[in-house]
Amino acid sequence: MYGALVRLVVKPGKRSEFLEFARWNARVVRDSEPDTLRHDVWEVEAEPDVVYVYEVYKDEAGFERHIKNEPVQKFGEIMNDLIEGWTMVIPFGHSAVSNLDE
């Protein structure tokens, strides 16, 4: 598997707009990306302007297909309006062990 964890700081007043986009993105991923195993957005109560995006793909090819999909292209267009900054908490890489391993 191939994945990452990203920390995004959402601009003040843009949280609802970001989460609306994230919900649409999750639907597109669910309906059209069979190699995307997880695409989760997490909130942490202690960090009200922060969301964490956890992405897991079957392999790097699945990730490459994901970044060509409409939501990723749209996020590139709107990111500067919604996000103050971001940090790769866990950079993209391959899993060492997973409950999904056979």
PDB file of N, CA and C in Angstrom:
ATOM      1  N   MET A   1       0.842  -1.177   0.000  1.00  0.00           N
ATOM      2  CA  MET A   1       0.000   0.000   0.000  1.00  0.00           C
ATOM      3  C   MET A   1       0.887   1.239   0.000  1.00  0.00           C
ATOM      4  N   TYR A   2       0.289   2.348  -0.412  1.00  0.00           N
ATOM      5  CA  TYR A   2       1.007   3.602  -0.563  1.00  0.00           C
ATOM      6  C   TYR A   2       0.128   4.705   0.014  1.00  0.00           C
ATOM      7  N   GLY A   3       0.681   5.557   0.859  1.00  0.00           N
ATOM      8  CA  GLY A   3      -0.162   6.581   1.457  1.00  0.00           C
ATOM      9  C   GLY A   3       0.601   7.647   2.198  1.00  0.00           C
ATOM     10  N   ALA A   4      -0.173   8.548   2.838  1.00  0.00           N
ATOM     11  CA  ALA A   4       0.401   9.676   3.562  1.00  0.00           C
ATOM     12  C   ALA A   4      -0.623  10.241   4.532  1.00  0.00           C
ATOM     13  N   LEU A   5      -0.125  11.073   5.440  1.00  0.00           N
ATOM     14  CA  LEU A   5      -0.972  11.833   6.353  1.00  0.00           C
ATOM     15  C   LEU A   5      -0.550  13.288   6.249  1.00  0.00           C
ATOM     16  N   VAL A   6      -1.526  14.163   5.925  1.00  0.00           N
ATOM     17  CA  VAL A   6      -1.258  15.583   5.717  1.00  0.00           C
ATOM     18  C   VAL A   6      -2.047  16.403   6.732  1.00  0.00           C
ATOM     19  N   ARG A   7      -1.406  17.393   7.307  1.00  0.00           N
ATOM     20  CA  ARG A   7      -2.050  18.338   8.243  1.00  0.00           C
ATOM     21  C   ARG A   7      -2.308  19.633   7.486  1.00  0.00           C
ATOM     22  N   LEU A   8      -3.586  20.034   7.415  1.00  0.00           N
ATOM     23  CA  LEU A   8      -3.975  21.260   6.718  1.00  0.00           C
ATOM     24  C   LEU A   8      -4.522  22.272   7.715  1.00  0.00           C
ATOM     25  N   VAL A   9      -4.056  23.507   7.622  1.00  0.00           N
ATOM     26  CA  VAL A   9      -4.591  24.596   8.433  1.00  0.00           C
ATOM     27  C   VAL A   9      -5.566  25.366   7.554  1.00  0.00           C
ATOM     28  N   VAL A  10      -6.841  25.315   7.932  1.00  0.00           N
ATOM     29  CA  VAL A  10      -7.905  25.950   7.160  1.00  0.00           C
ATOM     30  C   VAL A  10      -7.997  27.419   7.564  1.00  0.00           C
ATOM     31  N   LYS A  11      -8.179  28.289   6.587  1.00  0.00           N
ATOM     32  CA  LYS A  11      -8.312  29.725   6.862  1.00  0.00           C
ATOM     33  C   LYS A  11      -9.552  29.991   7.721  1.00  0.00           C
ATOM     34  N   PRO A  12      -9.477  30.993   8.583  1.00  0.00           N
ATOM     35  CA  PRO A  12     -10.640  31.341   9.410  1.00  0.00           C
ATOM     36  C   PRO A  12     -11.875  31.583   8.538  1.00  0.00           C
ATOM     37  N   GLY A  13     -12.985  31.021   8.964  1.00  0.00           N
ATOM     38  CA  GLY A  13     -14.247  31.190   8.247  1.00  0.00           C
ATOM     39  C   GLY A  13     -14.411  30.305   7.030  1.00  0.00           C
ATOM     40  N   LYS A  14     -13.434  29.452   6.734  1.00  0.00           N
ATOM     41  CA  LYS A  14     -13.487  28.613   5.532  1.00  0.00           C
ATOM     42  C   LYS A  14     -13.701  27.127   5.834  1.00  0.00           C
ATOM     43  N   ARG A  15     -13.852  26.792   7.110  1.00  0.00           N
ATOM     44  CA  ARG A  15     -13.978  25.384   7.510  1.00  0.00           C
ATOM     45  C   ARG A  15     -15.168  24.700   6.831  1.00  0.00           C
ATOM     46  N   SER A  16     -16.341  25.319   6.867  1.00  0.00           N
ATOM     47  CA  SER A  16     -17.534  24.714   6.254  1.00  0.00           C
ATOM     48  C   SER A  16     -17.335  24.502   4.761  1.00  0.00           C
ATOM     49  N   GLU A  17     -16.757  25.484   4.092  1.00  0.00           N
ATOM     50  CA  GLU A  17     -16.512  25.357   2.656  1.00  0.00           C
ATOM     51  C   GLU A  17     -15.519  24.220   2.375  1.00  0.00           C
ATOM     52  N   PHE A  18     -14.471  24.134   3.200  1.00  0.00           N
ATOM     53  CA  PHE A  18     -13.507  23.051   3.025  1.00  0.00           C
ATOM     54  C   PHE A  18     -14.172  21.688   3.236  1.00  0.00           C
ATOM     55  N   LEU A  19     -14.966  21.555   4.306  1.00  0.00           N
ATOM     56  CA  LEU A  19     -15.610  20.267   4.584  1.00  0.00           C
ATOM     57  C   LEU A  19     -16.634  19.900   3.515  1.00  0.00           C
ATOM     58  N   GLU A  20     -17.305  20.879   2.945  1.00  0.00           N
ATOM     59  CA  GLU A  20     -18.224  20.607   1.827  1.00  0.00           C
ATOM     60  C   GLU A  20     -17.447  20.025   0.648  1.00  0.00           C
ATOM     61  N   PHE A  21     -16.302  20.633   0.329  1.00  0.00           N
ATOM     62  CA  PHE A  21     -15.448  20.106  -0.728  1.00  0.00           C
ATOM     63  C   PHE A  21     -14.989  18.686  -0.382  1.00  0.00           C
ATOM     64  N   ALA A  22     -14.566  18.471   0.871  1.00  0.00           N
ATOM     65  CA  ALA A  22     -14.055  17.172   1.299  1.00  0.00           C
ATOM     66  C   ALA A  22     -15.123  16.087   1.171  1.00  0.00           C
ATOM     67  N   ARG A  23     -16.366  16.421   1.484  1.00  0.00           N
ATOM     68  CA  ARG A  23     -17.461  15.436   1.344  1.00  0.00           C
ATOM     69  C   ARG A  23     -17.673  15.053  -0.119  1.00  0.00           C
ATOM     70  N   TRP A  24     -17.650  16.038  -0.996  1.00  0.00           N
ATOM     71  CA  TRP A  24     -17.779  15.769  -2.428  1.00  0.00           C
ATOM     72  C   TRP A  24     -16.609  14.898  -2.898  1.00  0.00           C
ATOM     73  N   ASN A  25     -15.417  15.248  -2.468  1.00  0.00           N
ATOM     74  CA  ASN A  25     -14.228  14.485  -2.830  1.00  0.00           C
ATOM     75  C   ASN A  25     -14.374  13.031  -2.376  1.00  0.00           C
ATOM     76  N   ALA A  26     -14.832  12.825  -1.154  1.00  0.00           N
ATOM     77  CA  ALA A  26     -14.993  11.468  -0.627  1.00  0.00           C
ATOM     78  C   ALA A  26     -15.991  10.665  -1.467  1.00  0.00           C
ATOM     79  N   ARG A  27     -17.063  11.306  -1.915  1.00  0.00           N
ATOM     80  CA  ARG A  27     -18.049  10.605  -2.759  1.00  0.00           C
ATOM     81  C   ARG A  27     -17.423  10.209  -4.094  1.00  0.00           C
ATOM     82  N   VAL A  28     -16.671  11.110  -4.701  1.00  0.00           N
ATOM     83  CA  VAL A  28     -16.027  10.799  -5.981  1.00  0.00           C
ATOM     84  C   VAL A  28     -15.044   9.652  -5.800  1.00  0.00           C
ATOM     85  N   VAL A  29     -14.249   9.721  -4.745  1.00  0.00           N
ATOM     86  CA  VAL A  29     -13.284   8.647  -4.466  1.00  0.00           C
ATOM     87  C   VAL A  29     -14.008   7.320  -4.290  1.00  0.00           C
ATOM     88  N   ARG A  30     -15.049   7.300  -3.475  1.00  0.00           N
ATOM     89  CA  ARG A  30     -15.801   6.071  -3.215  1.00  0.00           C
ATOM     90  C   ARG A  30     -16.380   5.481  -4.510  1.00  0.00           C
ATOM     91  N   ASP A  31     -16.909   6.359  -5.353  1.00  0.00           N
ATOM     92  CA  ASP A  31     -17.640   5.897  -6.535  1.00  0.00           C
ATOM     93  C   ASP A  31     -16.765   5.605  -7.752  1.00  0.00           C
ATOM     94  N   SER A  32     -15.549   6.158  -7.794  1.00  0.00           N
ATOM     95  CA  SER A  32     -14.788   6.022  -9.036  1.00  0.00           C
ATOM     96  C   SER A  32     -13.316   5.667  -8.872  1.00  0.00           C
ATOM     97  N   GLU A  33     -12.872   5.412  -7.649  1.00  0.00           N
ATOM     98  CA  GLU A  33     -11.460   5.092  -7.438  1.00  0.00           C
ATOM     99  C   GLU A  33     -11.308   3.797  -6.638  1.00  0.00           C
ATOM    100  N   PRO A  34     -11.416   2.651  -7.280  1.00  0.00           N
ATOM    101  CA  PRO A  34     -11.326   1.393  -6.537  1.00  0.00           C
ATOM    102  C   PRO A  34      -9.968   1.155  -5.886  1.00  0.00           C
ATOM    103  N   ASP A  35      -8.922   1.806  -6.365  1.00  0.00           N
ATOM    104  CA  ASP A  35      -7.589   1.619  -5.780  1.00  0.00           C
ATOM    105  C   ASP A  35      -7.296   2.594  -4.644  1.00  0.00           C
ATOM    106  N   THR A  36      -8.252   3.469  -4.329  1.00  0.00           N
ATOM    107  CA  THR A  36      -8.124   4.333  -3.158  1.00  0.00           C
ATOM    108  C   THR A  36      -8.792   3.595  -2.004  1.00  0.00           C
ATOM    109  N   LEU A  37      -7.965   3.136  -1.069  1.00  0.00           N
ATOM    110  CA  LEU A  37      -8.465   2.322   0.045  1.00  0.00           C
ATOM    111  C   LEU A  37      -8.981   3.172   1.188  1.00  0.00           C
ATOM    112  N   ARG A  38      -8.379   4.332   1.429  1.00  0.00           N
ATOM    113  CA  ARG A  38      -8.823   5.268   2.483  1.00  0.00           C
ATOM    114  C   ARG A  38      -8.603   6.681   1.967  1.00  0.00           C
ATOM    115  N   HIS A  39      -9.561   7.530   2.236  1.00  0.00           N
ATOM    116  CA  HIS A  39      -9.399   8.973   2.009  1.00  0.00           C
ATOM    117  C   HIS A  39     -10.234   9.650   3.088  1.00  0.00           C
ATOM    118  N   ASP A  40      -9.617   9.808   4.236  1.00  0.00           N
ATOM    119  CA  ASP A  40     -10.324  10.283   5.424  1.00  0.00           C
ATOM    120  C   ASP A  40      -9.880  11.685   5.797  1.00  0.00           C
ATOM    121  N   VAL A  41     -10.828  12.478   6.267  1.00  0.00           N
ATOM    122  CA  VAL A  41     -10.534  13.809   6.814  1.00  0.00           C
ATOM    123  C   VAL A  41     -10.884  13.756   8.295  1.00  0.00           C
ATOM    124  N   TRP A  42      -9.900  14.048   9.126  1.00  0.00           N
ATOM    125  CA  TRP A  42     -10.058  13.974  10.580  1.00  0.00           C
ATOM    126  C   TRP A  42     -10.007  15.371  11.183  1.00  0.00           C
ATOM    127  N   GLU A  43     -10.836  15.586  12.183  1.00  0.00           N
ATOM    128  CA  GLU A  43     -10.825  16.819  12.962  1.00  0.00           C
ATOM    129  C   GLU A  43     -10.296  16.490  14.356  1.00  0.00           C
ATOM    130  N   VAL A  44      -9.591  17.446  14.951  1.00  0.00           N
ATOM    131  CA  VAL A  44      -9.078  17.303  16.305  1.00  0.00           C
ATOM    132  C   VAL A  44      -9.606  18.478  17.114  1.00  0.00           C
ATOM    133  N   GLU A  45     -10.334  18.189  18.171  1.00  0.00           N
ATOM    134  CA  GLU A  45     -10.994  19.232  18.956  1.00  0.00           C
ATOM    135  C   GLU A  45     -10.021  20.320  19.439  1.00  0.00           C
ATOM    136  N   ALA A  46      -8.816  19.932  19.792  1.00  0.00           N
ATOM    137  CA  ALA A  46      -7.840  20.888  20.317  1.00  0.00           C
ATOM    138  C   ALA A  46      -7.257  21.796  19.228  1.00  0.00           C
ATOM    139  N   GLU A  47      -7.525  21.483  17.963  1.00  0.00           N
ATOM    140  CA  GLU A  47      -7.008  22.272  16.835  1.00  0.00           C
ATOM    141  C   GLU A  47      -8.170  22.654  15.921  1.00  0.00           C
ATOM    142  N   PRO A  48      -8.955  23.660  16.297  1.00  0.00           N
ATOM    143  CA  PRO A  48     -10.199  23.946  15.568  1.00  0.00           C
ATOM    144  C   PRO A  48     -10.027  24.366  14.105  1.00  0.00           C
ATOM    145  N   ASP A  49      -8.883  24.880  13.723  1.00  0.00           N
ATOM    146  CA  ASP A  49      -8.675  25.287  12.331  1.00  0.00           C
ATOM    147  C   ASP A  49      -7.820  24.298  11.549  1.00  0.00           C
ATOM    148  N   VAL A  50      -7.692  23.077  12.068  1.00  0.00           N
ATOM    149  CA  VAL A  50      -6.827  22.078  11.451  1.00  0.00           C
ATOM    150  C   VAL A  50      -7.649  20.846  11.075  1.00  0.00           C
ATOM    151  N   VAL A  51      -7.322  20.269   9.933  1.00  0.00           N
ATOM    152  CA  VAL A  51      -7.839  18.963   9.553  1.00  0.00           C
ATOM    153  C   VAL A  51      -6.652  18.111   9.111  1.00  0.00           C
ATOM    154  N   TYR A  52      -6.798  16.823   9.302  1.00  0.00           N
ATOM    155  CA  TYR A  52      -5.787  15.870   8.859  1.00  0.00           C
ATOM    156  C   TYR A  52      -6.399  15.026   7.755  1.00  0.00           C
ATOM    157  N   VAL A  53      -5.670  14.856   6.674  1.00  0.00           N
ATOM    158  CA  VAL A  53      -6.139  14.035   5.554  1.00  0.00           C
ATOM    159  C   VAL A  53      -5.255  12.798   5.484  1.00  0.00           C
ATOM    160  N   TYR A  54      -5.903  11.647   5.648  1.00  0.00           N
ATOM    161  CA  TYR A  54      -5.228  10.356   5.615  1.00  0.00           C
ATOM    162  C   TYR A  54      -5.600   9.674   4.314  1.00  0.00           C
ATOM    163  N   GLU A  55      -4.602   9.391   3.488  1.00  0.00           N
ATOM    164  CA  GLU A  55      -4.832   8.798   2.174  1.00  0.00           C
ATOM    165  C   GLU A  55      -4.072   7.484   2.066  1.00  0.00           C
ATOM    166  N   VAL A  56      -4.745   6.429   1.606  1.00  0.00           N
ATOM    167  CA  VAL A  56      -4.091   5.143   1.373  1.00  0.00           C
ATOM    168  C   VAL A  56      -4.576   4.594   0.036  1.00  0.00           C
ATOM    169  N   TYR A  57      -3.623   4.172  -0.766  1.00  0.00           N
ATOM    170  CA  TYR A  57      -3.895   3.641  -2.093  1.00  0.00           C
ATOM    171  C   TYR A  57      -3.346   2.225  -2.190  1.00  0.00           C
ATOM    172  N   LYS A  58      -3.920   1.440  -3.083  1.00  0.00           N
ATOM    173  CA  LYS A  58      -3.445   0.075  -3.287  1.00  0.00           C
ATOM    174  C   LYS A  58      -1.958   0.077  -3.630  1.00  0.00           C
ATOM    175  N   ASP A  59      -1.559   1.054  -4.437  1.00  0.00           N
ATOM    176  CA  ASP A  59      -0.164   1.156  -4.871  1.00  0.00           C
ATOM    177  C   ASP A  59       0.058   2.557  -5.435  1.00  0.00           C
ATOM    178  N   GLU A  60       1.264   2.834  -5.899  1.00  0.00           N
ATOM    179  CA  GLU A  60       1.563   4.155  -6.458  1.00  0.00           C
ATOM    180  C   GLU A  60       0.732   4.449  -7.703  1.00  0.00           C
ATOM    181  N   ALA A  61       0.427   3.434  -8.475  1.00  0.00           N
ATOM    182  CA  ALA A  61      -0.406   3.638  -9.667  1.00  0.00           C
ATOM    183  C   ALA A  61      -1.799   4.115  -9.266  1.00  0.00           C
ATOM    184  N   GLY A  62      -2.337   3.590  -8.168  1.00  0.00           N
ATOM    185  CA  GLY A  62      -3.629   4.057  -7.659  1.00  0.00           C
ATOM    186  C   GLY A  62      -3.568   5.520  -7.260  1.00  0.00           C
ATOM    187  N   PHE A  63      -2.476   5.924  -6.638  1.00  0.00           N
ATOM    188  CA  PHE A  63      -2.283   7.334  -6.287  1.00  0.00           C
ATOM    189  C   PHE A  63      -2.211   8.193  -7.545  1.00  0.00           C
ATOM    190  N   GLU A  64      -1.481   7.739  -8.544  1.00  0.00           N
ATOM    191  CA  GLU A  64      -1.363   8.495  -9.796  1.00  0.00           C
ATOM    192  C   GLU A  64      -2.728   8.675 -10.460  1.00  0.00           C
ATOM    193  N   ARG A  65      -3.567   7.655 -10.410  1.00  0.00           N
ATOM    194  CA  ARG A  65      -4.918   7.778 -10.960  1.00  0.00           C
ATOM    195  C   ARG A  65      -5.736   8.772 -10.128  1.00  0.00           C
ATOM    196  N   HIS A  66      -5.567   8.739  -8.810  1.00  0.00           N
ATOM    197  CA  HIS A  66      -6.290   9.655  -7.929  1.00  0.00           C
ATOM    198  C   HIS A  66      -5.964  11.116  -8.252  1.00  0.00           C
ATOM    199  N   ILE A  67      -4.706  11.436  -8.443  1.00  0.00           N
ATOM    200  CA  ILE A  67      -4.340  12.855  -8.643  1.00  0.00           C
ATOM    201  C   ILE A  67      -4.796  13.391 -10.000  1.00  0.00           C
ATOM    202  N   LYS A  68      -5.233  12.512 -10.879  1.00  0.00           N
ATOM    203  CA  LYS A  68      -5.775  12.954 -12.166  1.00  0.00           C
ATOM    204  C   LYS A  68      -7.286  13.141 -12.112  1.00  0.00           C
ATOM    205  N   ASN A  69      -7.916  12.770 -10.991  1.00  0.00           N
ATOM    206  CA  ASN A  69      -9.362  12.844 -10.865  1.00  0.00           C
ATOM    207  C   ASN A  69      -9.819  14.285 -10.612  1.00  0.00           C
ATOM    208  N   GLU A  70     -11.071  14.568 -10.914  1.00  0.00           N
ATOM    209  CA  GLU A  70     -11.623  15.923 -10.843  1.00  0.00           C
ATOM    210  C   GLU A  70     -11.435  16.619  -9.492  1.00  0.00           C
ATOM    211  N   PRO A  71     -11.676  15.974  -8.339  1.00  0.00           N
ATOM    212  CA  PRO A  71     -11.516  16.690  -7.072  1.00  0.00           C
ATOM    213  C   PRO A  71     -10.096  17.199  -6.828  1.00  0.00           C
ATOM    214  N   VAL A  72      -9.097  16.431  -7.199  1.00  0.00           N
ATOM    215  CA  VAL A  72      -7.722  16.887  -6.985  1.00  0.00           C
ATOM    216  C   VAL A  72      -7.432  18.096  -7.858  1.00  0.00           C
ATOM    217  N   GLN A  73      -7.915  18.070  -9.080  1.00  0.00           N
ATOM    218  CA  GLN A  73      -7.728  19.228  -9.964  1.00  0.00           C
ATOM    219  C   GLN A  73      -8.438  20.455  -9.387  1.00  0.00           C
ATOM    220  N   LYS A  74      -9.654  20.269  -8.898  1.00  0.00           N
ATOM    221  CA  LYS A  74     -10.426  21.363  -8.294  1.00  0.00           C
ATOM    222  C   LYS A  74      -9.726  21.889  -7.044  1.00  0.00           C
ATOM    223  N   PHE A  75      -9.190  20.983  -6.204  1.00  0.00           N
ATOM    224  CA  PHE A  75      -8.507  21.414  -4.984  1.00  0.00           C
ATOM    225  C   PHE A  75      -7.315  22.299  -5.330  1.00  0.00           C
ATOM    226  N   GLY A  76      -6.607  21.964  -6.399  1.00  0.00           N
ATOM    227  CA  GLY A  76      -5.500  22.811  -6.842  1.00  0.00           C
ATOM    228  C   GLY A  76      -5.952  24.232  -7.164  1.00  0.00           C
ATOM    229  N   GLU A  77      -7.164  24.362  -7.687  1.00  0.00           N
ATOM    230  CA  GLU A  77      -7.708  25.676  -8.043  1.00  0.00           C
ATOM    231  C   GLU A  77      -8.155  26.478  -6.821  1.00  0.00           C
ATOM    232  N   ILE A  78      -8.721  25.803  -5.818  1.00  0.00           N
ATOM    233  CA  ILE A  78      -9.327  26.507  -4.681  1.00  0.00           C
ATOM    234  C   ILE A  78      -8.471  26.489  -3.416  1.00  0.00           C
ATOM    235  N   MET A  79      -7.367  25.747  -3.417  1.00  0.00           N
ATOM    236  CA  MET A  79      -6.572  25.567  -2.207  1.00  0.00           C
ATOM    237  C   MET A  79      -6.148  26.885  -1.572  1.00  0.00           C
ATOM    238  N   ASN A  80      -5.682  27.831  -2.362  1.00  0.00           N
ATOM    239  CA  ASN A  80      -5.215  29.103  -1.799  1.00  0.00           C
ATOM    240  C   ASN A  80      -6.331  29.895  -1.140  1.00  0.00           C
ATOM    241  N   ASP A  81      -7.578  29.665  -1.535  1.00  0.00           N
ATOM    242  CA  ASP A  81      -8.715  30.343  -0.908  1.00  0.00           C
ATOM    243  C   ASP A  81      -9.111  29.698   0.418  1.00  0.00           C
ATOM    244  N   LEU A  82      -8.777  28.413   0.595  1.00  0.00           N
ATOM    245  CA  LEU A  82      -9.242  27.661   1.759  1.00  0.00           C
ATOM    246  C   LEU A  82      -8.167  27.357   2.797  1.00  0.00           C
ATOM    247  N   ILE A  83      -6.932  27.218   2.362  1.00  0.00           N
ATOM    248  CA  ILE A  83      -5.871  26.690   3.224  1.00  0.00           C
ATOM    249  C   ILE A  83      -4.798  27.740   3.495  1.00  0.00           C
ATOM    250  N   GLU A  84      -4.450  27.899   4.793  1.00  0.00           N
ATOM    251  CA  GLU A  84      -3.341  28.788   5.179  1.00  0.00           C
ATOM    252  C   GLU A  84      -1.997  28.107   4.984  1.00  0.00           C
ATOM    253  N   GLY A  85      -1.947  26.814   5.275  1.00  0.00           N
ATOM    254  CA  GLY A  85      -0.694  26.083   5.155  1.00  0.00           C
ATOM    255  C   GLY A  85      -0.931  24.601   5.353  1.00  0.00           C
ATOM    256  N   TRP A  86       0.108  23.831   5.091  1.00  0.00           N
ATOM    257  CA  TRP A  86      -0.006  22.393   5.235  1.00  0.00           C
ATOM    258  C   TRP A  86       1.357  21.796   5.549  1.00  0.00           C
ATOM    259  N   THR A  87       1.320  20.623   6.180  1.00  0.00           N
ATOM    260  CA  THR A  87       2.524  19.902   6.562  1.00  0.00           C
ATOM    261  C   THR A  87       2.318  18.419   6.285  1.00  0.00           C
ATOM    262  N   MET A  88       3.324  17.798   5.735  1.00  0.00           N
ATOM    263  CA  MET A  88       3.290  16.350   5.569  1.00  0.00           C
ATOM    264  C   MET A  88       3.681  15.734   6.913  1.00  0.00           C
ATOM    265  N   VAL A  89       2.720  15.184   7.632  1.00  0.00           N
ATOM    266  CA  VAL A  89       2.993  14.532   8.907  1.00  0.00           C
ATOM    267  C   VAL A  89       3.687  13.200   8.647  1.00  0.00           C
ATOM    268  N   ILE A  90       3.133  12.444   7.719  1.00  0.00           N
ATOM    269  CA  ILE A  90       3.761  11.214   7.235  1.00  0.00           C
ATOM    270  C   ILE A  90       3.862  11.370   5.721  1.00  0.00           C
ATOM    271  N   PRO A  91       5.068  11.540   5.185  1.00  0.00           N
ATOM    272  CA  PRO A  91       5.208  11.705   3.732  1.00  0.00           C
ATOM    273  C   PRO A  91       4.754  10.454   2.987  1.00  0.00           C
ATOM    274  N   PHE A  92       4.437  10.611   1.720  1.00  0.00           N
ATOM    275  CA  PHE A  92       4.022   9.470   0.915  1.00  0.00           C
ATOM    276  C   PHE A  92       5.092   8.395   0.948  1.00  0.00           C
ATOM    277  N   GLY A  93       4.631   7.176   1.173  1.00  0.00           N
ATOM    278  CA  GLY A  93       5.521   6.043   1.235  1.00  0.00           C
ATOM    279  C   GLY A  93       4.724   4.752   1.265  1.00  0.00           C
ATOM    280  N   HIS A  94       5.430   3.662   1.391  1.00  0.00           N
ATOM    281  CA  HIS A  94       4.819   2.331   1.388  1.00  0.00           C
ATOM    282  C   HIS A  94       4.646   1.833   2.813  1.00  0.00           C
ATOM    283  N   SER A  95       3.527   1.150   3.072  1.00  0.00           N
ATOM    284  CA  SER A  95       3.283   0.607   4.401  1.00  0.00           C
ATOM    285  C   SER A  95       4.235  -0.545   4.688  1.00  0.00           C
ATOM    286  N   ALA A  96       4.621  -0.640   5.955  1.00  0.00           N
ATOM    287  CA  ALA A  96       5.473  -1.754   6.379  1.00  0.00           C
ATOM    288  C   ALA A  96       4.621  -2.939   6.838  1.00  0.00           C
ATOM    289  N   VAL A  97       3.546  -2.630   7.556  1.00  0.00           N
ATOM    290  CA  VAL A  97       2.642  -3.654   8.072  1.00  0.00           C
ATOM    291  C   VAL A  97       1.244  -3.062   8.131  1.00  0.00           C
ATOM    292  N   SER A  98       0.244  -3.853   7.809  1.00  0.00           N
ATOM    293  CA  SER A  98      -1.137  -3.389   7.849  1.00  0.00           C
ATOM    294  C   SER A  98      -2.072  -4.550   8.135  1.00  0.00           C
ATOM    295  N   ASN A  99      -3.213  -4.249   8.735  1.00  0.00           N
ATOM    296  CA  ASN A  99      -4.239  -5.262   8.915  1.00  0.00           C
ATOM    297  C   ASN A  99      -4.819  -5.706   7.586  1.00  0.00           C
ATOM    298  N   LEU A 100      -4.566  -4.972   6.512  1.00  0.00           N
ATOM    299  CA  LEU A 100      -5.036  -5.365   5.181  1.00  0.00           C
ATOM    300  C   LEU A 100      -4.078  -6.294   4.457  1.00  0.00           C
ATOM    301  N   ASP A 101      -2.892  -6.499   5.047  1.00  0.00           N
ATOM    302  CA  ASP A 101      -1.931  -7.404   4.420  1.00  0.00           C
ATOM    303  C   ASP A 101      -2.506  -8.811   4.370  1.00  0.00           C
ATOM    304  N   GLU A 102      -2.170  -9.519   3.319  1.00  0.00           N
ATOM    305  CA  GLU A 102      -2.639 -10.902   3.176  1.00  0.00           C
ATOM    306  C   GLU A 102      -1.623 -11.862   3.740  1.00  0.00           C
TER     307      GLU A 102
END
